[in-house]
Amino acid sequence: MALAQRTLRSSCASTGRPAAFSAAPRPVVQRRALLCRSAGVTAGPVTDDTFKELVLDSSVPVMVDFWAPWCGPCRMIAPLIDELASEYSGKMVCFKLNTDESPGVATEYGIRSIPTVMIFKGGKKMETIIGAVPKASLVQSLEKYL
């Protein structure tokens, strides 16, 4: 079985439930969104093209995780971001931006290290958290803007 197929058949990290299988090759961010969406997770992908609409124009606070597939610490905090997206559903929105596939927004906001999590409210960047931090640190930062 091909590596991509084995990966797609694995479980979503945040819930442990089986993920959907698709034999068609997809970019990493689409595969990741498919896996997590099939498991009921609310964090979704955002790109350079959708950033303004989904993040800056949002009526609720938004947490954006700037990540890359090759980044170990990014993979470590990914389940935390998914948990927060589920726990705060309705109060805030959470997105993940792959800096390899959407470098424009990352450059605009001066992302030099990943993972970087930014919190936006009313179209403005409110806070930046750099590195793989514990869930409690993310919650503390997020609570200030709800």
C-alpha atoms as a PDB file:
ATOM      1  CA  MET A   1       0.000   0.000   0.000  1.00  0.00           C
ATOM      2  CA  ALA A   2       1.320   3.432  -0.870  1.00  0.00           C
ATOM      3  CA  LEU A   3       2.459   5.706   1.950  1.00  0.00           C
ATOM      4  CA  ALA A   4      -0.176   8.321   1.066  1.00  0.00           C
ATOM      5  CA  GLN A   5      -2.917   5.708   1.302  1.00  0.00           C
ATOM      6  CA  ARG A   6      -1.682   4.482   4.679  1.00  0.00           C
ATOM      7  CA  THR A   7      -1.589   8.070   5.908  1.00  0.00           C
ATOM      8  CA  LEU A   8      -5.133   8.720   4.728  1.00  0.00           C
ATOM      9  CA  ARG A   9      -6.383   5.589   6.450  1.00  0.00           C
ATOM     10  CA  SER A  10      -4.911   6.640   9.777  1.00  0.00           C
ATOM     11  CA  SER A  11      -6.945   8.306  12.484  1.00  0.00           C
ATOM     12  CA  CYS A  12      -7.340  12.025  12.976  1.00  0.00           C
ATOM     13  CA  ALA A  13      -4.900  12.967  15.739  1.00  0.00           C
ATOM     14  CA  SER A  14      -7.387  14.930  17.812  1.00  0.00           C
ATOM     15  CA  THR A  15     -10.207  12.384  18.029  1.00  0.00           C
ATOM     16  CA  GLY A  16      -8.753   8.968  17.273  1.00  0.00           C
ATOM     17  CA  ARG A  17     -11.721   8.181  15.001  1.00  0.00           C
ATOM     18  CA  PRO A  18     -11.037   6.668  11.576  1.00  0.00           C
ATOM     19  CA  ALA A  19     -10.507   9.197   8.832  1.00  0.00           C
ATOM     20  CA  ALA A  20     -12.017   9.161   5.351  1.00  0.00           C
ATOM     21  CA  PHE A  21     -10.092   7.426   2.581  1.00  0.00           C
ATOM     22  CA  SER A  22      -9.479   8.950  -0.816  1.00  0.00           C
ATOM     23  CA  ALA A  23      -7.186   7.403  -3.392  1.00  0.00           C
ATOM     24  CA  ALA A  24      -6.899  10.634  -5.382  1.00  0.00           C
ATOM     25  CA  PRO A  25      -3.687  12.553  -4.653  1.00  0.00           C
ATOM     26  CA  ARG A  26      -4.323  15.880  -2.936  1.00  0.00           C
ATOM     27  CA  PRO A  27      -2.123  18.680  -1.670  1.00  0.00           C
ATOM     28  CA  VAL A  28      -1.144  18.213   1.975  1.00  0.00           C
ATOM     29  CA  VAL A  29      -3.458  20.942   3.299  1.00  0.00           C
ATOM     30  CA  GLN A  30      -6.471  19.449   1.487  1.00  0.00           C
ATOM     31  CA  ARG A  31      -5.697  15.947   2.810  1.00  0.00           C
ATOM     32  CA  ARG A  32      -5.312  17.292   6.332  1.00  0.00           C
ATOM     33  CA  ALA A  33      -8.597  19.210   6.095  1.00  0.00           C
ATOM     34  CA  LEU A  34     -10.361  16.112   4.749  1.00  0.00           C
ATOM     35  CA  LEU A  35      -9.061  13.930   7.555  1.00  0.00           C
ATOM     36  CA  CYS A  36     -10.014  16.293  10.323  1.00  0.00           C
ATOM     37  CA  ARG A  37     -13.332  17.367   8.780  1.00  0.00           C
ATOM     38  CA  SER A  38     -14.386  13.713   8.537  1.00  0.00           C
ATOM     39  CA  ALA A  39     -13.718  13.341  12.264  1.00  0.00           C
ATOM     40  CA  GLY A  40     -15.859  16.355  13.196  1.00  0.00           C
ATOM     41  CA  VAL A  41     -13.043  18.801  13.965  1.00  0.00           C
ATOM     42  CA  THR A  42     -13.829  22.468  13.312  1.00  0.00           C
ATOM     43  CA  ALA A  43     -10.322  23.813  12.563  1.00  0.00           C
ATOM     44  CA  GLY A  44      -9.937  24.234   8.829  1.00  0.00           C
ATOM     45  CA  PRO A  45      -7.409  25.404   6.283  1.00  0.00           C
ATOM     46  CA  VAL A  46      -6.957  29.024   5.240  1.00  0.00           C
ATOM     47  CA  THR A  47      -4.842  30.221   2.306  1.00  0.00           C
ATOM     48  CA  ASP A  48      -3.492  33.476   0.916  1.00  0.00           C
ATOM     49  CA  ASP A  49      -6.650  33.693  -1.213  1.00  0.00           C
ATOM     50  CA  THR A  50      -9.129  33.101   1.635  1.00  0.00           C
ATOM     51  CA  PHE A  51      -7.334  34.838   4.515  1.00  0.00           C
ATOM     52  CA  LYS A  52      -9.119  38.195   4.261  1.00  0.00           C
ATOM     53  CA  GLU A  53     -12.577  36.644   4.002  1.00  0.00           C
ATOM     54  CA  LEU A  54     -12.148  33.980   6.694  1.00  0.00           C
ATOM     55  CA  VAL A  55      -9.891  35.747   9.190  1.00  0.00           C
ATOM     56  CA  LEU A  56      -9.902  39.519   8.803  1.00  0.00           C
ATOM     57  CA  ASP A  57     -13.624  39.817   8.001  1.00  0.00           C
ATOM     58  CA  SER A  58     -14.713  37.423  10.781  1.00  0.00           C
ATOM     59  CA  SER A  59     -17.259  38.676  13.312  1.00  0.00           C
ATOM     60  CA  VAL A  60     -15.739  36.468  16.043  1.00  0.00           C
ATOM     61  CA  PRO A  61     -12.132  36.137  17.255  1.00  0.00           C
ATOM     62  CA  VAL A  62      -9.944  33.927  15.054  1.00  0.00           C
ATOM     63  CA  MET A  63      -6.940  31.800  15.989  1.00  0.00           C
ATOM     64  CA  VAL A  64      -4.564  31.051  13.090  1.00  0.00           C
ATOM     65  CA  ASP A  65      -1.904  28.366  13.343  1.00  0.00           C
ATOM     66  CA  PHE A  66       0.967  29.033  10.904  1.00  0.00           C
ATOM     67  CA  TRP A  67       2.542  25.625  10.240  1.00  0.00           C
ATOM     68  CA  ALA A  68       4.363  23.452   7.694  1.00  0.00           C
ATOM     69  CA  PRO A  69       4.173  19.687   7.145  1.00  0.00           C
ATOM     70  CA  TRP A  70       7.907  19.155   7.735  1.00  0.00           C
ATOM     71  CA  CYS A  71       7.842  20.929  11.125  1.00  0.00           C
ATOM     72  CA  GLY A  72       7.904  18.578  14.132  1.00  0.00           C
ATOM     73  CA  PRO A  73       6.745  21.147  16.717  1.00  0.00           C
ATOM     74  CA  CYS A  74       3.906  22.114  14.336  1.00  0.00           C
ATOM     75  CA  ARG A  75       2.702  18.519  14.367  1.00  0.00           C
ATOM     76  CA  MET A  76       2.947  18.522  18.168  1.00  0.00           C
ATOM     77  CA  ILE A  77       0.546  21.443  18.645  1.00  0.00           C
ATOM     78  CA  ALA A  78      -1.837  20.536  15.790  1.00  0.00           C
ATOM     79  CA  PRO A  79      -4.046  18.391  18.075  1.00  0.00           C
ATOM     80  CA  LEU A  80      -4.173  21.238  20.616  1.00  0.00           C
ATOM     81  CA  ILE A  81      -5.386  23.651  17.938  1.00  0.00           C
ATOM     82  CA  ASP A  82      -8.050  21.137  16.901  1.00  0.00           C
ATOM     83  CA  GLU A  83      -9.148  20.678  20.529  1.00  0.00           C
ATOM     84  CA  LEU A  84      -9.456  24.438  21.019  1.00  0.00           C
ATOM     85  CA  ALA A  85     -11.434  24.760  17.800  1.00  0.00           C
ATOM     86  CA  SER A  86     -13.914  22.190  19.096  1.00  0.00           C
ATOM     87  CA  GLU A  87     -14.052  23.498  22.666  1.00  0.00           C
ATOM     88  CA  TYR A  88     -14.571  27.127  21.628  1.00  0.00           C
ATOM     89  CA  SER A  89     -16.872  26.420  18.682  1.00  0.00           C
ATOM     90  CA  GLY A  90     -19.371  29.265  18.396  1.00  0.00           C
ATOM     91  CA  LYS A  91     -17.173  31.652  20.402  1.00  0.00           C
ATOM     92  CA  MET A  92     -14.213  31.748  18.031  1.00  0.00           C
ATOM     93  CA  VAL A  93     -12.966  30.234  14.784  1.00  0.00           C
ATOM     94  CA  CYS A  94      -9.700  28.415  14.245  1.00  0.00           C
ATOM     95  CA  PHE A  95      -7.741  28.014  11.011  1.00  0.00           C
ATOM     96  CA  LYS A  96      -4.414  26.527   9.938  1.00  0.00           C
ATOM     97  CA  LEU A  97      -2.243  28.206   7.313  1.00  0.00           C
ATOM     98  CA  ASN A  98       0.414  26.087   5.618  1.00  0.00           C
ATOM     99  CA  THR A  99       3.311  28.521   5.185  1.00  0.00           C
ATOM    100  CA  ASP A 100       4.821  26.436   2.356  1.00  0.00           C
ATOM    101  CA  GLU A 101       1.656  26.614   0.262  1.00  0.00           C
ATOM    102  CA  SER A 102       0.583  30.153   1.274  1.00  0.00           C
ATOM    103  CA  PRO A 103       3.707  32.223   1.923  1.00  0.00           C
ATOM    104  CA  GLY A 104       2.081  35.613   1.207  1.00  0.00           C
ATOM    105  CA  VAL A 105       0.205  36.006   4.496  1.00  0.00           C
ATOM    106  CA  ALA A 106       3.116  34.537   6.457  1.00  0.00           C
ATOM    107  CA  THR A 107       5.437  37.136   4.921  1.00  0.00           C
ATOM    108  CA  GLU A 108       2.944  39.947   5.505  1.00  0.00           C
ATOM    109  CA  TYR A 109       2.751  39.116   9.222  1.00  0.00           C
ATOM    110  CA  GLY A 110       6.500  38.562   9.616  1.00  0.00           C
ATOM    111  CA  ILE A 111       6.398  34.857  10.386  1.00  0.00           C
ATOM    112  CA  ARG A 112      10.024  33.810  10.849  1.00  0.00           C
ATOM    113  CA  SER A 113       9.515  30.797  13.080  1.00  0.00           C
ATOM    114  CA  ILE A 114       6.880  28.096  13.095  1.00  0.00           C
ATOM    115  CA  PRO A 115       4.705  27.102  14.718  1.00  0.00           C
ATOM    116  CA  THR A 116       3.334  30.570  15.276  1.00  0.00           C
ATOM    117  CA  VAL A 117      -0.219  31.095  16.477  1.00  0.00           C
ATOM    118  CA  MET A 118      -1.868  34.474  16.005  1.00  0.00           C
ATOM    119  CA  ILE A 119      -5.135  35.694  17.436  1.00  0.00           C
ATOM    120  CA  PHE A 120      -7.173  38.165  15.383  1.00  0.00           C
ATOM    121  CA  LYS A 121     -10.179  40.169  16.507  1.00  0.00           C
ATOM    122  CA  GLY A 122     -12.046  42.706  14.429  1.00  0.00           C
ATOM    123  CA  GLY A 123      -9.610  42.254  11.563  1.00  0.00           C
ATOM    124  CA  LYS A 124      -6.580  43.156  13.689  1.00  0.00           C
ATOM    125  CA  LYS A 125      -3.768  41.011  15.027  1.00  0.00           C
ATOM    126  CA  MET A 126      -4.112  40.990  18.796  1.00  0.00           C
ATOM    127  CA  GLU A 127      -1.491  38.504  19.964  1.00  0.00           C
ATOM    128  CA  THR A 128       1.298  36.250  18.688  1.00  0.00           C
ATOM    129  CA  ILE A 129       2.426  33.025  20.338  1.00  0.00           C
ATOM    130  CA  ILE A 130       5.645  31.521  18.941  1.00  0.00           C
ATOM    131  CA  GLY A 131       6.665  27.906  19.406  1.00  0.00           C
ATOM    132  CA  ALA A 132       5.059  24.717  20.635  1.00  0.00           C
ATOM    133  CA  VAL A 133       3.470  25.954  23.846  1.00  0.00           C
ATOM    134  CA  PRO A 134       1.206  24.055  26.255  1.00  0.00           C
ATOM    135  CA  LYS A 135      -2.550  24.159  25.762  1.00  0.00           C
ATOM    136  CA  ALA A 136      -2.925  26.255  28.929  1.00  0.00           C
ATOM    137  CA  SER A 137      -0.831  29.038  27.366  1.00  0.00           C
ATOM    138  CA  LEU A 138      -3.004  29.070  24.258  1.00  0.00           C
ATOM    139  CA  VAL A 139      -6.182  29.115  26.378  1.00  0.00           C
ATOM    140  CA  GLN A 140      -4.875  31.985  28.516  1.00  0.00           C
ATOM    141  CA  SER A 141      -4.095  34.063  25.429  1.00  0.00           C
ATOM    142  CA  LEU A 142      -7.395  33.227  23.745  1.00  0.00           C
ATOM    143  CA  GLU A 143      -9.554  33.965  26.787  1.00  0.00           C
ATOM    144  CA  LYS A 144      -8.447  37.628  26.748  1.00  0.00           C
ATOM    145  CA  TYR A 145     -10.230  38.202  23.449  1.00  0.00           C
ATOM    146  CA  LEU A 146     -13.519  36.334  23.926  1.00  0.00           C
END
